[in-house]
């Protein structure tokens, strides 16, 4: 099978097209003929070496955390999934930038009437967005939410999910001025630049602050987020896009100002509670089919354009969701 991989960590130029055997389905697994693979910043980190050097049996690693396609083989012990089912899957061990991918059945869900290209952008982004809002963030109806990296895949998904969960006002921050005009199309009430957002959030809320802040950026943004919190406000950490040095909060300050810091990590959840991710994915698919959740179509690029897509992610010039077309015949 054809796959896009890297055998040394580095920039987007590290990608090579390789040929690999089609994987086999082990116990509790399925093999998926991939139609589309979603692109996520974690795959940039994977390629750069932030998760370690390539350790595939052939010396290569294949990135790709989420896919949609057709089940081609079912392993022993799998129930509720059969050959030919159209599905979406989360791949915690990567492998999605390939014609076939093996997935744990717990992390696979039928897509129903959702188009494959749309479904491919759900399994990583939407469980993350739902988890940071609903479980880690404990969002309640009427609360104000502030979302950093607001124009990215998780950010734009979180804005829409927050609305379905009853959020009152939804603000976001972006890293470049050209993205400020995107507020309405991404579902935000307002977008702010990332340099001085705390003051703007306080002004927009009459000095009260945001009840929930979602932060994948880190560093100074994480620290300033505490200044933008309302009483009993929560900052949920789910990434480190800024690649900052580790930062420690002052527990005394949290105690004295009624603030909370929480964390969400989908990789840890996949290890310790994979069914939770499957449930999140099923919720997103059901909401799309019912019309409760409405998404713009993703940007579709050929697999050969993965290097260019990664470059856009690294330079923060992309917005919304991009998926790679693996099977040109897929609908």
C-alpha atoms as a PDB file:
ATOM      1  CA  UNK A   1       0.000   0.000   0.000  1.00  0.00           C
ATOM      2  CA  UNK A   2       1.014   3.614  -0.528  1.00  0.00           C
ATOM      3  CA  UNK A   3       1.845   5.707   2.538  1.00  0.00           C
ATOM      4  CA  UNK A   4       3.442   9.043   3.359  1.00  0.00           C
ATOM      5  CA  UNK A   5       6.098   8.677   6.042  1.00  0.00           C
ATOM      6  CA  UNK A   6       9.368   9.964   7.480  1.00  0.00           C
ATOM      7  CA  UNK A   7      12.458   8.127   8.682  1.00  0.00           C
ATOM      8  CA  UNK A   8      14.217  11.130  10.207  1.00  0.00           C
ATOM      9  CA  UNK A   9      12.680  13.916  12.230  1.00  0.00           C
ATOM     10  CA  UNK A  10      12.715  17.355  10.665  1.00  0.00           C
ATOM     11  CA  UNK A  11      10.764  19.800   8.564  1.00  0.00           C
ATOM     12  CA  UNK A  12       7.951  19.065   6.088  1.00  0.00           C
ATOM     13  CA  UNK A  13      10.557  18.043   3.536  1.00  0.00           C
ATOM     14  CA  UNK A  14      11.164  14.902   5.618  1.00  0.00           C
ATOM     15  CA  UNK A  15       8.095  13.236   4.105  1.00  0.00           C
ATOM     16  CA  UNK A  16       8.629  10.386   1.642  1.00  0.00           C
ATOM     17  CA  UNK A  17       6.132   8.256  -0.229  1.00  0.00           C
ATOM     18  CA  UNK A  18       6.777   4.620   0.629  1.00  0.00           C
ATOM     19  CA  UNK A  19       5.246   1.215   0.009  1.00  0.00           C
ATOM     20  CA  UNK A  20       4.205  -0.948   2.958  1.00  0.00           C
ATOM     21  CA  UNK A  21       2.281  -4.203   3.373  1.00  0.00           C
ATOM     22  CA  UNK A  22      -1.427  -3.791   4.107  1.00  0.00           C
ATOM     23  CA  UNK A  23      -1.817  -4.168   7.900  1.00  0.00           C
ATOM     24  CA  UNK A  24      -3.739  -7.060   9.414  1.00  0.00           C
ATOM     25  CA  UNK A  25      -6.501  -6.762  11.990  1.00  0.00           C
ATOM     26  CA  UNK A  26      -5.543  -8.145  15.390  1.00  0.00           C
ATOM     27  CA  UNK A  27      -7.925  -9.037  18.184  1.00  0.00           C
ATOM     28  CA  UNK A  28     -10.301  -6.135  18.829  1.00  0.00           C
ATOM     29  CA  UNK A  29      -9.142  -4.268  15.725  1.00  0.00           C
ATOM     30  CA  UNK A  30     -10.366  -3.405  12.240  1.00  0.00           C
ATOM     31  CA  UNK A  31      -8.511  -2.487   9.062  1.00  0.00           C
ATOM     32  CA  UNK A  32      -9.862   0.583   7.274  1.00  0.00           C
ATOM     33  CA  UNK A  33      -9.433   1.400   3.588  1.00  0.00           C
ATOM     34  CA  UNK A  34      -8.776   5.101   4.058  1.00  0.00           C
ATOM     35  CA  UNK A  35     -10.681   7.644   1.993  1.00  0.00           C
ATOM     36  CA  UNK A  36      -9.562  10.780   3.844  1.00  0.00           C
ATOM     37  CA  UNK A  37      -7.143  11.564   6.672  1.00  0.00           C
ATOM     38  CA  UNK A  38      -7.523  14.620   8.889  1.00  0.00           C
ATOM     39  CA  UNK A  39      -4.506  16.870   9.520  1.00  0.00           C
ATOM     40  CA  UNK A  40      -3.680  18.001  13.060  1.00  0.00           C
ATOM     41  CA  UNK A  41      -0.909  19.968  14.740  1.00  0.00           C
ATOM     42  CA  UNK A  42       0.058  16.871  16.740  1.00  0.00           C
ATOM     43  CA  UNK A  43       1.198  15.350  13.438  1.00  0.00           C
ATOM     44  CA  UNK A  44       3.543  18.295  12.978  1.00  0.00           C
ATOM     45  CA  UNK A  45       4.922  17.559  16.446  1.00  0.00           C
ATOM     46  CA  UNK A  46       5.239  13.878  15.544  1.00  0.00           C
ATOM     47  CA  UNK A  47       7.245  14.701  12.422  1.00  0.00           C
ATOM     48  CA  UNK A  48       9.469  17.190  14.268  1.00  0.00           C
ATOM     49  CA  UNK A  49      10.400  14.566  16.849  1.00  0.00           C
ATOM     50  CA  UNK A  50       8.561  15.881  19.887  1.00  0.00           C
ATOM     51  CA  UNK A  51       7.178  12.376  20.472  1.00  0.00           C
ATOM     52  CA  UNK A  52      10.498  10.643  19.798  1.00  0.00           C
ATOM     53  CA  UNK A  53      12.413   9.309  16.806  1.00  0.00           C
ATOM     54  CA  UNK A  54      10.710   7.130  14.157  1.00  0.00           C
ATOM     55  CA  UNK A  55      10.429   3.558  15.432  1.00  0.00           C
ATOM     56  CA  UNK A  56       8.446   1.692  12.767  1.00  0.00           C
ATOM     57  CA  UNK A  57       9.566  -1.836  11.892  1.00  0.00           C
ATOM     58  CA  UNK A  58      10.882  -0.547   8.547  1.00  0.00           C
ATOM     59  CA  UNK A  59      12.451   2.548  10.110  1.00  0.00           C
ATOM     60  CA  UNK A  60       9.594   4.836   9.070  1.00  0.00           C
ATOM     61  CA  UNK A  61       6.721   6.457  10.954  1.00  0.00           C
ATOM     62  CA  UNK A  62       3.426   7.225   9.196  1.00  0.00           C
ATOM     63  CA  UNK A  63       1.580  10.189  10.759  1.00  0.00           C
ATOM     64  CA  UNK A  64      -2.172  10.654  10.851  1.00  0.00           C
ATOM     65  CA  UNK A  65      -4.411  10.587  13.926  1.00  0.00           C
ATOM     66  CA  UNK A  66      -7.843  10.442  12.296  1.00  0.00           C
ATOM     67  CA  UNK A  67      -9.357   8.858   9.209  1.00  0.00           C
ATOM     68  CA  UNK A  68     -12.604   8.007   7.502  1.00  0.00           C
ATOM     69  CA  UNK A  69     -13.114   5.168   5.080  1.00  0.00           C
ATOM     70  CA  UNK A  70     -14.469   1.647   4.636  1.00  0.00           C
ATOM     71  CA  UNK A  71     -13.810  -1.352   6.864  1.00  0.00           C
ATOM     72  CA  UNK A  72     -11.750  -3.864   4.876  1.00  0.00           C
ATOM     73  CA  UNK A  73     -11.144  -6.497   7.587  1.00  0.00           C
ATOM     74  CA  UNK A  74     -12.461  -7.234  11.094  1.00  0.00           C
ATOM     75  CA  UNK A  75     -10.392  -8.908  13.810  1.00  0.00           C
ATOM     76  CA  UNK A  76     -11.572 -11.420  16.386  1.00  0.00           C
ATOM     77  CA  UNK A  77     -13.713 -10.176  19.234  1.00  0.00           C
ATOM     78  CA  UNK A  78     -15.113  -7.175  17.324  1.00  0.00           C
ATOM     79  CA  UNK A  79     -18.868  -6.705  17.444  1.00  0.00           C
ATOM     80  CA  UNK A  80     -21.096  -4.095  15.832  1.00  0.00           C
ATOM     81  CA  UNK A  81     -18.737  -3.454  12.898  1.00  0.00           C
ATOM     82  CA  UNK A  82     -18.585  -5.423   9.641  1.00  0.00           C
ATOM     83  CA  UNK A  83     -16.744  -5.386   6.322  1.00  0.00           C
ATOM     84  CA  UNK A  84     -17.954  -2.561   4.109  1.00  0.00           C
ATOM     85  CA  UNK A  85     -19.108  -0.255   6.916  1.00  0.00           C
ATOM     86  CA  UNK A  86     -18.344   3.421   6.347  1.00  0.00           C
ATOM     87  CA  UNK A  87     -16.583   4.582   9.516  1.00  0.00           C
ATOM     88  CA  UNK A  88     -14.426   7.204  11.180  1.00  0.00           C
ATOM     89  CA  UNK A  89     -11.591   6.311  13.559  1.00  0.00           C
ATOM     90  CA  UNK A  90      -9.133   7.858  15.986  1.00  0.00           C
ATOM     91  CA  UNK A  91      -5.592   6.441  15.680  1.00  0.00           C
ATOM     92  CA  UNK A  92      -3.595   7.191  18.866  1.00  0.00           C
ATOM     93  CA  UNK A  93      -0.529   5.419  17.440  1.00  0.00           C
ATOM     94  CA  UNK A  94      -0.790   7.369  14.144  1.00  0.00           C
ATOM     95  CA  UNK A  95      -0.819   5.706  10.696  1.00  0.00           C
ATOM     96  CA  UNK A  96      -3.552   7.622   8.887  1.00  0.00           C
ATOM     97  CA  UNK A  97      -1.539   8.989   5.941  1.00  0.00           C
ATOM     98  CA  UNK A  98      -1.815   5.639   4.154  1.00  0.00           C
ATOM     99  CA  UNK A  99      -4.173   3.673   1.935  1.00  0.00           C
ATOM    100  CA  UNK A 100      -4.995   1.331   4.819  1.00  0.00           C
ATOM    101  CA  UNK A 101      -4.921   1.872   8.578  1.00  0.00           C
ATOM    102  CA  UNK A 102      -5.493  -0.445  11.533  1.00  0.00           C
ATOM    103  CA  UNK A 103      -7.653   0.857  14.388  1.00  0.00           C
ATOM    104  CA  UNK A 104      -8.894  -0.371  17.745  1.00  0.00           C
ATOM    105  CA  UNK A 105     -12.621  -1.006  17.336  1.00  0.00           C
ATOM    106  CA  UNK A 106     -13.366   0.962  20.520  1.00  0.00           C
ATOM    107  CA  UNK A 107     -12.187   4.090  18.694  1.00  0.00           C
ATOM    108  CA  UNK A 108     -14.202   3.454  15.509  1.00  0.00           C
ATOM    109  CA  UNK A 109     -17.765   4.597  14.794  1.00  0.00           C
ATOM    110  CA  UNK A 110     -20.075   4.315  11.732  1.00  0.00           C
ATOM    111  CA  UNK A 111     -20.525   7.673   9.996  1.00  0.00           C
ATOM    112  CA  UNK A 112     -24.065   7.177   8.694  1.00  0.00           C
ATOM    113  CA  UNK A 113     -25.029   9.977   6.309  1.00  0.00           C
ATOM    114  CA  UNK A 114     -22.054  12.209   7.212  1.00  0.00           C
ATOM    115  CA  UNK A 115     -19.775  12.665   4.170  1.00  0.00           C
ATOM    116  CA  UNK A 116     -16.433  10.873   4.496  1.00  0.00           C
ATOM    117  CA  UNK A 117     -14.396  14.066   4.058  1.00  0.00           C
ATOM    118  CA  UNK A 118     -16.274  15.720   6.937  1.00  0.00           C
ATOM    119  CA  UNK A 119     -16.099  12.592   9.112  1.00  0.00           C
ATOM    120  CA  UNK A 120     -12.318  12.361   8.646  1.00  0.00           C
ATOM    121  CA  UNK A 121     -11.907  15.653  10.482  1.00  0.00           C
ATOM    122  CA  UNK A 122     -13.848  14.560  13.565  1.00  0.00           C
ATOM    123  CA  UNK A 123     -12.107  11.733  15.497  1.00  0.00           C
ATOM    124  CA  UNK A 124      -9.236  13.777  16.959  1.00  0.00           C
ATOM    125  CA  UNK A 125     -10.604  17.312  16.918  1.00  0.00           C
ATOM    126  CA  UNK A 126     -14.139  16.749  18.187  1.00  0.00           C
ATOM    127  CA  UNK A 127     -13.362  14.404  21.100  1.00  0.00           C
ATOM    128  CA  UNK A 128     -10.755  16.964  22.165  1.00  0.00           C
ATOM    129  CA  UNK A 129     -13.166  19.888  21.810  1.00  0.00           C
ATOM    130  CA  UNK A 130     -15.959  18.042  23.600  1.00  0.00           C
ATOM    131  CA  UNK A 131     -13.644  16.789  26.344  1.00  0.00           C
ATOM    132  CA  UNK A 132     -12.140  20.175  27.164  1.00  0.00           C
ATOM    133  CA  UNK A 133     -15.564  21.814  27.268  1.00  0.00           C
ATOM    134  CA  UNK A 134     -17.807  19.238  28.872  1.00  0.00           C
ATOM    135  CA  UNK A 135     -15.616  17.139  31.155  1.00  0.00           C
ATOM    136  CA  UNK A 136     -12.373  18.997  31.901  1.00  0.00           C
ATOM    137  CA  UNK A 137     -14.027  22.425  31.626  1.00  0.00           C
ATOM    138  CA  UNK A 138     -17.382  21.585  33.234  1.00  0.00           C
ATOM    139  CA  UNK A 139     -19.143  24.108  30.991  1.00  0.00           C
ATOM    140  CA  UNK A 140     -22.551  25.214  32.232  1.00  0.00           C
ATOM    141  CA  UNK A 141     -25.367  26.958  30.403  1.00  0.00           C
ATOM    142  CA  UNK A 142     -24.956  30.698  30.068  1.00  0.00           C
ATOM    143  CA  UNK A 143     -21.217  30.787  30.794  1.00  0.00           C
ATOM    144  CA  UNK A 144     -18.681  32.822  28.843  1.00  0.00           C
ATOM    145  CA  UNK A 145     -15.986  30.825  27.020  1.00  0.00           C
ATOM    146  CA  UNK A 146     -12.637  32.089  25.701  1.00  0.00           C
ATOM    147  CA  UNK A 147     -10.870  29.886  23.142  1.00  0.00           C
ATOM    148  CA  UNK A 148      -7.221  30.402  22.203  1.00  0.00           C
ATOM    149  CA  UNK A 149      -5.998  29.367  18.725  1.00  0.00           C
ATOM    150  CA  UNK A 150      -9.572  30.117  17.760  1.00  0.00           C
ATOM    151  CA  UNK A 151      -9.152  29.655  13.999  1.00  0.00           C
ATOM    152  CA  UNK A 152      -7.614  26.191  14.223  1.00  0.00           C
ATOM    153  CA  UNK A 153      -9.334  22.840  13.925  1.00  0.00           C
ATOM    154  CA  UNK A 154     -10.026  22.295  17.633  1.00  0.00           C
ATOM    155  CA  UNK A 155     -10.769  25.972  18.257  1.00  0.00           C
ATOM    156  CA  UNK A 156     -13.393  26.314  15.536  1.00  0.00           C
ATOM    157  CA  UNK A 157     -14.924  22.963  16.560  1.00  0.00           C
ATOM    158  CA  UNK A 158     -15.025  24.015  20.212  1.00  0.00           C
ATOM    159  CA  UNK A 159     -16.814  27.266  19.329  1.00  0.00           C
ATOM    160  CA  UNK A 160     -19.621  25.340  17.675  1.00  0.00           C
ATOM    161  CA  UNK A 161     -19.840  22.640  20.341  1.00  0.00           C
ATOM    162  CA  UNK A 162     -19.843  25.246  23.119  1.00  0.00           C
ATOM    163  CA  UNK A 163     -22.952  26.743  21.544  1.00  0.00           C
ATOM    164  CA  UNK A 164     -24.722  23.353  21.520  1.00  0.00           C
ATOM    165  CA  UNK A 165     -23.779  22.921  25.210  1.00  0.00           C
ATOM    166  CA  UNK A 166     -25.459  26.206  26.110  1.00  0.00           C
ATOM    167  CA  UNK A 167     -22.569  28.678  26.345  1.00  0.00           C
ATOM    168  CA  UNK A 168     -23.665  32.294  26.601  1.00  0.00           C
ATOM    169  CA  UNK A 169     -20.898  34.233  24.859  1.00  0.00           C
ATOM    170  CA  UNK A 170     -17.964  32.714  22.995  1.00  0.00           C
ATOM    171  CA  UNK A 171     -14.772  34.709  22.490  1.00  0.00           C
ATOM    172  CA  UNK A 172     -11.537  33.663  20.830  1.00  0.00           C
ATOM    173  CA  UNK A 173      -7.966  34.819  20.307  1.00  0.00           C
ATOM    174  CA  UNK A 174      -5.868  34.537  17.161  1.00  0.00           C
ATOM    175  CA  UNK A 175      -2.193  35.001  16.489  1.00  0.00           C
ATOM    176  CA  UNK A 176      -2.428  37.242  13.426  1.00  0.00           C
ATOM    177  CA  UNK A 177      -4.602  40.292  12.603  1.00  0.00           C
ATOM    178  CA  UNK A 178      -5.809  38.868   9.278  1.00  0.00           C
ATOM    179  CA  UNK A 179      -7.813  36.219  11.167  1.00  0.00           C
ATOM    180  CA  UNK A 180      -9.878  38.698  13.178  1.00  0.00           C
ATOM    181  CA  UNK A 181     -12.465  38.994  10.416  1.00  0.00           C
ATOM    182  CA  UNK A 182     -13.254  35.285  10.682  1.00  0.00           C
ATOM    183  CA  UNK A 183     -15.211  35.619  13.943  1.00  0.00           C
ATOM    184  CA  UNK A 184     -18.720  35.252  12.556  1.00  0.00           C
ATOM    185  CA  UNK A 185     -17.931  32.464  10.126  1.00  0.00           C
ATOM    186  CA  UNK A 186     -16.265  30.411  12.872  1.00  0.00           C
ATOM    187  CA  UNK A 187     -19.097  30.863  15.361  1.00  0.00           C
ATOM    188  CA  UNK A 188     -17.540  33.444  17.714  1.00  0.00           C
ATOM    189  CA  UNK A 189     -19.165  36.505  19.196  1.00  0.00           C
ATOM    190  CA  UNK A 190     -15.792  38.295  18.982  1.00  0.00           C
ATOM    191  CA  UNK A 191     -12.135  37.567  18.284  1.00  0.00           C
ATOM    192  CA  UNK A 192      -9.188  39.348  19.915  1.00  0.00           C
ATOM    193  CA  UNK A 193      -5.488  39.517  19.149  1.00  0.00           C
ATOM    194  CA  UNK A 194      -3.406  37.300  21.409  1.00  0.00           C
ATOM    195  CA  UNK A 195      -1.093  40.061  22.687  1.00  0.00           C
ATOM    196  CA  UNK A 196      -3.505  41.882  25.023  1.00  0.00           C
ATOM    197  CA  UNK A 197      -6.552  39.666  25.209  1.00  0.00           C
ATOM    198  CA  UNK A 198      -6.981  39.679  29.008  1.00  0.00           C
ATOM    199  CA  UNK A 199      -7.859  43.358  29.139  1.00  0.00           C
ATOM    200  CA  UNK A 200     -10.218  43.059  26.175  1.00  0.00           C
ATOM    201  CA  UNK A 201     -12.030  40.080  27.699  1.00  0.00           C
ATOM    202  CA  UNK A 202     -12.461  41.917  30.994  1.00  0.00           C
ATOM    203  CA  UNK A 203     -13.774  44.971  29.168  1.00  0.00           C
ATOM    204  CA  UNK A 204     -16.196  42.883  27.090  1.00  0.00           C
ATOM    205  CA  UNK A 205     -17.553  41.206  30.225  1.00  0.00           C
ATOM    206  CA  UNK A 206     -17.879  44.342  32.341  1.00  0.00           C
ATOM    207  CA  UNK A 207     -14.847  43.361  34.421  1.00  0.00           C
ATOM    208  CA  UNK A 208     -16.137  39.908  35.346  1.00  0.00           C
ATOM    209  CA  UNK A 209     -13.992  37.786  33.020  1.00  0.00           C
ATOM    210  CA  UNK A 210     -14.491  34.451  31.262  1.00  0.00           C
ATOM    211  CA  UNK A 211     -15.840  31.405  33.065  1.00  0.00           C
ATOM    212  CA  UNK A 212     -13.854  28.951  30.940  1.00  0.00           C
ATOM    213  CA  UNK A 213     -10.636  29.394  28.939  1.00  0.00           C
ATOM    214  CA  UNK A 214      -9.366  26.722  26.534  1.00  0.00           C
ATOM    215  CA  UNK A 215      -5.591  26.976  26.080  1.00  0.00           C
ATOM    216  CA  UNK A 216      -3.443  24.952  23.671  1.00  0.00           C
ATOM    217  CA  UNK A 217      -0.812  27.714  23.389  1.00  0.00           C
ATOM    218  CA  UNK A 218       1.004  27.877  26.746  1.00  0.00           C
ATOM    219  CA  UNK A 219       3.620  30.275  28.072  1.00  0.00           C
ATOM    220  CA  UNK A 220       2.561  33.914  28.527  1.00  0.00           C
ATOM    221  CA  UNK A 221      -0.875  33.173  27.058  1.00  0.00           C
ATOM    222  CA  UNK A 222      -1.513  30.583  29.765  1.00  0.00           C
ATOM    223  CA  UNK A 223      -0.408  32.922  32.515  1.00  0.00           C
ATOM    224  CA  UNK A 224      -2.475  35.841  31.192  1.00  0.00           C
ATOM    225  CA  UNK A 225      -5.505  33.550  30.933  1.00  0.00           C
ATOM    226  CA  UNK A 226      -5.662  33.430  34.708  1.00  0.00           C
ATOM    227  CA  UNK A 227      -6.027  37.218  34.742  1.00  0.00           C
ATOM    228  CA  UNK A 228      -9.016  36.924  32.399  1.00  0.00           C
ATOM    229  CA  UNK A 229     -10.981  34.505  34.617  1.00  0.00           C
ATOM    230  CA  UNK A 230     -14.242  35.177  36.423  1.00  0.00           C
ATOM    231  CA  UNK A 231     -14.758  33.906  39.988  1.00  0.00           C
ATOM    232  CA  UNK A 232     -14.659  30.076  39.881  1.00  0.00           C
ATOM    233  CA  UNK A 233     -13.247  30.334  36.365  1.00  0.00           C
ATOM    234  CA  UNK A 234     -11.303  27.436  34.823  1.00  0.00           C
ATOM    235  CA  UNK A 235      -8.351  27.304  32.426  1.00  0.00           C
ATOM    236  CA  UNK A 236      -8.184  23.971  30.603  1.00  0.00           C
ATOM    237  CA  UNK A 237      -4.754  23.155  29.168  1.00  0.00           C
ATOM    238  CA  UNK A 238      -4.676  20.803  26.182  1.00  0.00           C
ATOM    239  CA  UNK A 239      -1.506  21.619  24.238  1.00  0.00           C
ATOM    240  CA  UNK A 240       1.675  23.679  23.910  1.00  0.00           C
ATOM    241  CA  UNK A 241       1.636  25.164  20.422  1.00  0.00           C
ATOM    242  CA  UNK A 242       4.022  27.924  21.473  1.00  0.00           C
ATOM    243  CA  UNK A 243       6.703  25.400  22.540  1.00  0.00           C
ATOM    244  CA  UNK A 244       7.380  27.413  25.682  1.00  0.00           C
ATOM    245  CA  UNK A 245       9.355  26.358  28.711  1.00  0.00           C
ATOM    246  CA  UNK A 246       7.282  24.667  31.400  1.00  0.00           C
ATOM    247  CA  UNK A 247       5.357  27.156  33.515  1.00  0.00           C
ATOM    248  CA  UNK A 248       4.120  26.647  37.057  1.00  0.00           C
ATOM    249  CA  UNK A 249       1.081  28.312  38.600  1.00  0.00           C
ATOM    250  CA  UNK A 250       1.088  29.594  42.147  1.00  0.00           C
ATOM    251  CA  UNK A 251      -1.340  27.423  44.116  1.00  0.00           C
ATOM    252  CA  UNK A 252      -1.644  30.186  46.712  1.00  0.00           C
ATOM    253  CA  UNK A 253      -2.851  32.545  43.974  1.00  0.00           C
ATOM    254  CA  UNK A 254      -5.379  30.011  42.687  1.00  0.00           C
ATOM    255  CA  UNK A 255      -6.721  29.534  46.184  1.00  0.00           C
ATOM    256  CA  UNK A 256      -6.916  33.249  46.972  1.00  0.00           C
ATOM    257  CA  UNK A 257      -8.635  34.190  43.690  1.00  0.00           C
ATOM    258  CA  UNK A 258     -11.077  31.266  43.223  1.00  0.00           C
ATOM    259  CA  UNK A 259      -9.513  29.961  40.022  1.00  0.00           C
ATOM    260  CA  UNK A 260      -8.815  26.490  38.620  1.00  0.00           C
ATOM    261  CA  UNK A 261      -6.387  24.961  36.122  1.00  0.00           C
ATOM    262  CA  UNK A 262      -7.334  21.615  34.571  1.00  0.00           C
ATOM    263  CA  UNK A 263      -5.826  19.432  31.850  1.00  0.00           C
ATOM    264  CA  UNK A 264      -7.054  17.359  28.930  1.00  0.00           C
ATOM    265  CA  UNK A 265      -4.908  14.917  26.958  1.00  0.00           C
ATOM    266  CA  UNK A 266      -6.523  12.696  24.353  1.00  0.00           C
ATOM    267  CA  UNK A 267      -3.543  10.330  24.275  1.00  0.00           C
ATOM    268  CA  UNK A 268      -3.894   9.552  27.971  1.00  0.00           C
ATOM    269  CA  UNK A 269      -7.647   9.132  27.518  1.00  0.00           C
ATOM    270  CA  UNK A 270      -7.060   6.665  24.657  1.00  0.00           C
ATOM    271  CA  UNK A 271      -4.895   4.555  26.971  1.00  0.00           C
ATOM    272  CA  UNK A 272      -7.083   4.661  30.064  1.00  0.00           C
ATOM    273  CA  UNK A 273     -10.635   5.258  28.837  1.00  0.00           C
ATOM    274  CA  UNK A 274     -10.838   4.648  25.067  1.00  0.00           C
ATOM    275  CA  UNK A 275     -14.599   4.133  25.178  1.00  0.00           C
ATOM    276  CA  UNK A 276     -14.943   7.777  26.242  1.00  0.00           C
ATOM    277  CA  UNK A 277     -13.337   8.893  22.972  1.00  0.00           C
ATOM    278  CA  UNK A 278     -15.632   6.569  21.025  1.00  0.00           C
ATOM    279  CA  UNK A 279     -18.633   8.093  22.801  1.00  0.00           C
ATOM    280  CA  UNK A 280     -17.434  11.643  22.039  1.00  0.00           C
ATOM    281  CA  UNK A 281     -17.055  10.705  18.359  1.00  0.00           C
ATOM    282  CA  UNK A 282     -20.508   9.119  18.269  1.00  0.00           C
ATOM    283  CA  UNK A 283     -21.981  12.293  19.817  1.00  0.00           C
ATOM    284  CA  UNK A 284     -20.398  14.470  17.135  1.00  0.00           C
ATOM    285  CA  UNK A 285     -21.627  12.237  14.301  1.00  0.00           C
ATOM    286  CA  UNK A 286     -25.145  12.138  15.736  1.00  0.00           C
ATOM    287  CA  UNK A 287     -25.219  15.930  16.165  1.00  0.00           C
ATOM    288  CA  UNK A 288     -24.164  16.419  12.550  1.00  0.00           C
ATOM    289  CA  UNK A 289     -26.843  14.064  11.278  1.00  0.00           C
ATOM    290  CA  UNK A 290     -29.558  15.698  13.389  1.00  0.00           C
ATOM    291  CA  UNK A 291     -28.545  19.212  12.359  1.00  0.00           C
ATOM    292  CA  UNK A 292     -27.745  20.282  15.932  1.00  0.00           C
ATOM    293  CA  UNK A 293     -24.140  20.746  14.797  1.00  0.00           C
ATOM    294  CA  UNK A 294     -23.387  22.445  11.484  1.00  0.00           C
ATOM    295  CA  UNK A 295     -19.872  22.517  10.051  1.00  0.00           C
ATOM    296  CA  UNK A 296     -18.311  24.101   6.977  1.00  0.00           C
ATOM    297  CA  UNK A 297     -16.849  21.673   4.491  1.00  0.00           C
ATOM    298  CA  UNK A 298     -13.182  20.931   5.154  1.00  0.00           C
ATOM    299  CA  UNK A 299     -10.456  21.938   2.755  1.00  0.00           C
ATOM    300  CA  UNK A 300      -9.493  18.826   0.767  1.00  0.00           C
ATOM    301  CA  UNK A 301      -5.907  18.438  -0.422  1.00  0.00           C
ATOM    302  CA  UNK A 302      -4.165  15.498  -2.140  1.00  0.00           C
ATOM    303  CA  UNK A 303      -1.841  13.343  -0.049  1.00  0.00           C
ATOM    304  CA  UNK A 304       1.104  14.750  -2.031  1.00  0.00           C
ATOM    305  CA  UNK A 305       0.322  18.194  -0.569  1.00  0.00           C
ATOM    306  CA  UNK A 306       0.876  17.099   3.038  1.00  0.00           C
ATOM    307  CA  UNK A 307       4.214  18.938   3.253  1.00  0.00           C
ATOM    308  CA  UNK A 308       2.593  22.222   2.199  1.00  0.00           C
ATOM    309  CA  UNK A 309      -0.301  21.713   4.633  1.00  0.00           C
ATOM    310  CA  UNK A 310       2.147  21.053   7.482  1.00  0.00           C
ATOM    311  CA  UNK A 311       4.057  24.200   6.561  1.00  0.00           C
ATOM    312  CA  UNK A 312       0.863  26.243   6.844  1.00  0.00           C
ATOM    313  CA  UNK A 313       0.141  24.765  10.270  1.00  0.00           C
ATOM    314  CA  UNK A 314       3.642  25.566  11.507  1.00  0.00           C
ATOM    315  CA  UNK A 315       3.483  29.127  10.219  1.00  0.00           C
ATOM    316  CA  UNK A 316      -0.020  29.658  11.686  1.00  0.00           C
ATOM    317  CA  UNK A 317      -1.388  30.708   8.289  1.00  0.00           C
ATOM    318  CA  UNK A 318      -4.166  28.115   8.132  1.00  0.00           C
ATOM    319  CA  UNK A 319      -7.654  28.144   9.582  1.00  0.00           C
ATOM    320  CA  UNK A 320     -10.424  25.601   9.792  1.00  0.00           C
ATOM    321  CA  UNK A 321      -9.958  21.938   8.966  1.00  0.00           C
ATOM    322  CA  UNK A 322      -7.890  20.312   6.218  1.00  0.00           C
ATOM    323  CA  UNK A 323      -8.176  16.671   5.198  1.00  0.00           C
ATOM    324  CA  UNK A 324      -5.956  14.705   2.824  1.00  0.00           C
ATOM    325  CA  UNK A 325      -7.550  12.727   0.023  1.00  0.00           C
ATOM    326  CA  UNK A 326      -6.065   9.208   0.136  1.00  0.00           C
ATOM    327  CA  UNK A 327      -8.505   7.434  -2.186  1.00  0.00           C
ATOM    328  CA  UNK A 328      -9.276   9.668  -5.202  1.00  0.00           C
ATOM    329  CA  UNK A 329     -12.414   7.611  -5.935  1.00  0.00           C
ATOM    330  CA  UNK A 330     -13.956   8.331  -2.525  1.00  0.00           C
ATOM    331  CA  UNK A 331     -17.059  10.468  -2.323  1.00  0.00           C
END
